[in-house]
């Protein structure tokens, strides 16, 4: 059974960078779509980005508007890990960041409920 563990969160100044890691165990991530989400108290979980491939082809990535140009999702097959590189962090970025994975074609970045496997989350704080 696939298990995901996030790490890399912490305190960073506005404009700074963090790299979050999502390490998988129990299965290879090769055939899984992996996404990154975030959630602040009282709000719905927000999808940021996902990395996927179709029919065994090359991997590709998609980004939500809030992540475009600042966040980059990177898959490292050798490490069975997916990273989220976050640059130019803003005061509105603090949240618990989660990675998720799904093996079906029905995942939807705008609907966190369509994703089947989740990590426990890592806290990101942006403050001067």
C-alpha atoms as a PDB file:
ATOM      1  CA  UNK A   1       0.000   0.000   0.000  1.00  0.00           C
ATOM      2  CA  UNK A   2       1.370   3.385  -0.994  1.00  0.00           C
ATOM      3  CA  UNK A   3       2.358   5.706   1.822  1.00  0.00           C
ATOM      4  CA  UNK A   4       3.494   9.309   1.481  1.00  0.00           C
ATOM      5  CA  UNK A   5       5.572  11.393   3.866  1.00  0.00           C
ATOM      6  CA  UNK A   6       6.119  15.109   3.365  1.00  0.00           C
ATOM      7  CA  UNK A   7       8.996  17.125   4.756  1.00  0.00           C
ATOM      8  CA  UNK A   8      10.795  20.387   4.136  1.00  0.00           C
ATOM      9  CA  UNK A   9       8.361  22.841   5.613  1.00  0.00           C
ATOM     10  CA  UNK A  10       9.447  25.588   7.954  1.00  0.00           C
ATOM     11  CA  UNK A  11       9.765  29.306   8.456  1.00  0.00           C
ATOM     12  CA  UNK A  12      10.944  31.448   5.570  1.00  0.00           C
ATOM     13  CA  UNK A  13      11.014  35.172   4.922  1.00  0.00           C
ATOM     14  CA  UNK A  14       8.884  36.726   2.187  1.00  0.00           C
ATOM     15  CA  UNK A  15      10.664  36.283  -1.113  1.00  0.00           C
ATOM     16  CA  UNK A  16      12.456  33.208   0.133  1.00  0.00           C
ATOM     17  CA  UNK A  17      12.370  29.622  -1.075  1.00  0.00           C
ATOM     18  CA  UNK A  18      11.598  26.182   0.263  1.00  0.00           C
ATOM     19  CA  UNK A  19      11.736  22.750  -1.262  1.00  0.00           C
ATOM     20  CA  UNK A  20       9.153  20.302  -0.040  1.00  0.00           C
ATOM     21  CA  UNK A  21       9.677  16.572  -0.413  1.00  0.00           C
ATOM     22  CA  UNK A  22       7.100  13.826  -0.770  1.00  0.00           C
ATOM     23  CA  UNK A  23       8.748  10.465  -0.223  1.00  0.00           C
ATOM     24  CA  UNK A  24       6.794   7.371  -1.160  1.00  0.00           C
ATOM     25  CA  UNK A  25       7.041   3.865   0.237  1.00  0.00           C
ATOM     26  CA  UNK A  26       5.129   0.678  -0.327  1.00  0.00           C
ATOM     27  CA  UNK A  27       4.947   1.113  -4.100  1.00  0.00           C
ATOM     28  CA  UNK A  28       6.744   2.799  -6.956  1.00  0.00           C
ATOM     29  CA  UNK A  29       5.382   6.231  -7.841  1.00  0.00           C
ATOM     30  CA  UNK A  30       6.053   5.642 -11.529  1.00  0.00           C
ATOM     31  CA  UNK A  31       2.449   4.891 -12.427  1.00  0.00           C
ATOM     32  CA  UNK A  32       0.905   7.344  -9.962  1.00  0.00           C
ATOM     33  CA  UNK A  33      -0.161  10.923 -10.500  1.00  0.00           C
ATOM     34  CA  UNK A  34       1.287  12.996  -7.675  1.00  0.00           C
ATOM     35  CA  UNK A  35      -0.048  16.346  -6.627  1.00  0.00           C
ATOM     36  CA  UNK A  36       0.639  19.068  -4.102  1.00  0.00           C
ATOM     37  CA  UNK A  37      -2.065  20.835  -2.139  1.00  0.00           C
ATOM     38  CA  UNK A  38      -2.260  23.269   0.711  1.00  0.00           C
ATOM     39  CA  UNK A  39      -4.783  24.148   3.361  1.00  0.00           C
ATOM     40  CA  UNK A  40      -5.282  26.961   5.814  1.00  0.00           C
ATOM     41  CA  UNK A  41      -7.712  26.675   8.719  1.00  0.00           C
ATOM     42  CA  UNK A  42     -11.297  27.295   7.723  1.00  0.00           C
ATOM     43  CA  UNK A  43     -10.653  26.976   3.998  1.00  0.00           C
ATOM     44  CA  UNK A  44     -10.921  24.197   1.464  1.00  0.00           C
ATOM     45  CA  UNK A  45      -7.800  22.304   0.510  1.00  0.00           C
ATOM     46  CA  UNK A  46      -6.311  24.022  -2.546  1.00  0.00           C
ATOM     47  CA  UNK A  47      -4.637  22.189  -5.388  1.00  0.00           C
ATOM     48  CA  UNK A  48      -1.321  23.646  -6.543  1.00  0.00           C
ATOM     49  CA  UNK A  49       0.256  21.294  -9.037  1.00  0.00           C
ATOM     50  CA  UNK A  50       0.428  17.741 -10.261  1.00  0.00           C
ATOM     51  CA  UNK A  51       2.833  15.548 -12.196  1.00  0.00           C
ATOM     52  CA  UNK A  52       1.478  12.747 -14.323  1.00  0.00           C
ATOM     53  CA  UNK A  53       1.915  10.746 -17.467  1.00  0.00           C
ATOM     54  CA  UNK A  54      -0.528   9.169 -19.882  1.00  0.00           C
ATOM     55  CA  UNK A  55      -0.222   5.646 -21.232  1.00  0.00           C
ATOM     56  CA  UNK A  56       3.404   5.311 -20.146  1.00  0.00           C
ATOM     57  CA  UNK A  57       4.468   8.424 -22.016  1.00  0.00           C
ATOM     58  CA  UNK A  58       6.602  11.309 -20.726  1.00  0.00           C
ATOM     59  CA  UNK A  59       5.690  12.996 -17.463  1.00  0.00           C
ATOM     60  CA  UNK A  60       4.061  16.391 -17.585  1.00  0.00           C
ATOM     61  CA  UNK A  61       3.054  18.959 -15.023  1.00  0.00           C
ATOM     62  CA  UNK A  62       0.145  21.309 -14.515  1.00  0.00           C
ATOM     63  CA  UNK A  63      -0.144  24.243 -12.157  1.00  0.00           C
ATOM     64  CA  UNK A  64      -2.902  26.207 -10.550  1.00  0.00           C
ATOM     65  CA  UNK A  65      -2.796  29.956 -11.131  1.00  0.00           C
ATOM     66  CA  UNK A  66      -1.589  30.511  -7.569  1.00  0.00           C
ATOM     67  CA  UNK A  67       1.467  28.345  -8.281  1.00  0.00           C
ATOM     68  CA  UNK A  68       2.358  29.277 -11.848  1.00  0.00           C
ATOM     69  CA  UNK A  69       5.711  30.953 -12.213  1.00  0.00           C
ATOM     70  CA  UNK A  70       6.714  30.432  -8.579  1.00  0.00           C
ATOM     71  CA  UNK A  71       6.343  26.714  -7.823  1.00  0.00           C
ATOM     72  CA  UNK A  72       7.887  23.819  -9.697  1.00  0.00           C
ATOM     73  CA  UNK A  73       6.984  20.159  -9.268  1.00  0.00           C
ATOM     74  CA  UNK A  74       9.802  17.706  -9.894  1.00  0.00           C
ATOM     75  CA  UNK A  75       9.687  13.930  -9.901  1.00  0.00           C
ATOM     76  CA  UNK A  76      12.805  11.957  -8.954  1.00  0.00           C
ATOM     77  CA  UNK A  77      12.165   8.367  -9.957  1.00  0.00           C
ATOM     78  CA  UNK A  78      15.385   7.047  -8.442  1.00  0.00           C
ATOM     79  CA  UNK A  79      14.383   8.410  -5.040  1.00  0.00           C
ATOM     80  CA  UNK A  80      10.682   7.602  -5.420  1.00  0.00           C
ATOM     81  CA  UNK A  81      10.113  11.194  -4.424  1.00  0.00           C
ATOM     82  CA  UNK A  82       8.270  14.215  -5.768  1.00  0.00           C
ATOM     83  CA  UNK A  83       9.469  17.672  -4.820  1.00  0.00           C
ATOM     84  CA  UNK A  84       7.735  21.020  -4.794  1.00  0.00           C
ATOM     85  CA  UNK A  85      10.224  23.850  -5.257  1.00  0.00           C
ATOM     86  CA  UNK A  86       8.633  27.034  -3.977  1.00  0.00           C
ATOM     87  CA  UNK A  87      10.249  30.357  -4.821  1.00  0.00           C
ATOM     88  CA  UNK A  88       9.255  33.961  -4.201  1.00  0.00           C
ATOM     89  CA  UNK A  89       7.147  32.966  -1.227  1.00  0.00           C
ATOM     90  CA  UNK A  90       4.516  35.470  -0.200  1.00  0.00           C
ATOM     91  CA  UNK A  91       2.739  36.316   3.056  1.00  0.00           C
ATOM     92  CA  UNK A  92      -0.369  34.587   1.669  1.00  0.00           C
ATOM     93  CA  UNK A  93       1.425  31.250   1.151  1.00  0.00           C
ATOM     94  CA  UNK A  94       1.485  29.952   4.752  1.00  0.00           C
ATOM     95  CA  UNK A  95      -0.453  26.728   5.072  1.00  0.00           C
ATOM     96  CA  UNK A  96      -0.103  23.043   5.703  1.00  0.00           C
ATOM     97  CA  UNK A  97       1.193  21.569   2.467  1.00  0.00           C
ATOM     98  CA  UNK A  98       0.187  18.057   1.477  1.00  0.00           C
ATOM     99  CA  UNK A  99       1.180  15.695  -1.255  1.00  0.00           C
ATOM    100  CA  UNK A 100      -1.329  13.281  -2.675  1.00  0.00           C
ATOM    101  CA  UNK A 101      -1.295  10.481  -5.191  1.00  0.00           C
ATOM    102  CA  UNK A 102      -3.845   8.775  -7.357  1.00  0.00           C
ATOM    103  CA  UNK A 103      -3.659   5.900  -9.785  1.00  0.00           C
ATOM    104  CA  UNK A 104      -6.916   6.551 -11.628  1.00  0.00           C
ATOM    105  CA  UNK A 105      -7.526   8.926 -14.540  1.00  0.00           C
ATOM    106  CA  UNK A 106     -10.207  10.729 -12.542  1.00  0.00           C
ATOM    107  CA  UNK A 107      -8.040  12.990 -10.440  1.00  0.00           C
ATOM    108  CA  UNK A 108      -8.910  16.656 -10.429  1.00  0.00           C
ATOM    109  CA  UNK A 109      -6.563  19.317  -9.098  1.00  0.00           C
ATOM    110  CA  UNK A 110      -9.550  21.497  -8.236  1.00  0.00           C
ATOM    111  CA  UNK A 111     -11.189  18.790  -6.134  1.00  0.00           C
ATOM    112  CA  UNK A 112      -9.004  17.290  -3.414  1.00  0.00           C
ATOM    113  CA  UNK A 113     -11.644  14.643  -2.710  1.00  0.00           C
ATOM    114  CA  UNK A 114     -10.780  12.874  -5.968  1.00  0.00           C
ATOM    115  CA  UNK A 115      -7.326  11.976  -4.695  1.00  0.00           C
ATOM    116  CA  UNK A 116      -6.957   8.686  -2.895  1.00  0.00           C
ATOM    117  CA  UNK A 117      -3.697   8.715  -0.956  1.00  0.00           C
ATOM    118  CA  UNK A 118      -2.392  11.517   1.254  1.00  0.00           C
ATOM    119  CA  UNK A 119       0.574  12.363   3.369  1.00  0.00           C
ATOM    120  CA  UNK A 120       0.343  13.906   6.804  1.00  0.00           C
ATOM    121  CA  UNK A 121       1.320  17.419   5.718  1.00  0.00           C
ATOM    122  CA  UNK A 122       4.126  19.836   6.468  1.00  0.00           C
ATOM    123  CA  UNK A 123       3.710  23.367   7.787  1.00  0.00           C
ATOM    124  CA  UNK A 124       4.999  26.336   5.828  1.00  0.00           C
ATOM    125  CA  UNK A 125       5.218  29.727   7.499  1.00  0.00           C
ATOM    126  CA  UNK A 126       6.176  32.938   5.707  1.00  0.00           C
ATOM    127  CA  UNK A 127       7.076  35.801   7.972  1.00  0.00           C
ATOM    128  CA  UNK A 128       9.639  38.533   8.325  1.00  0.00           C
END
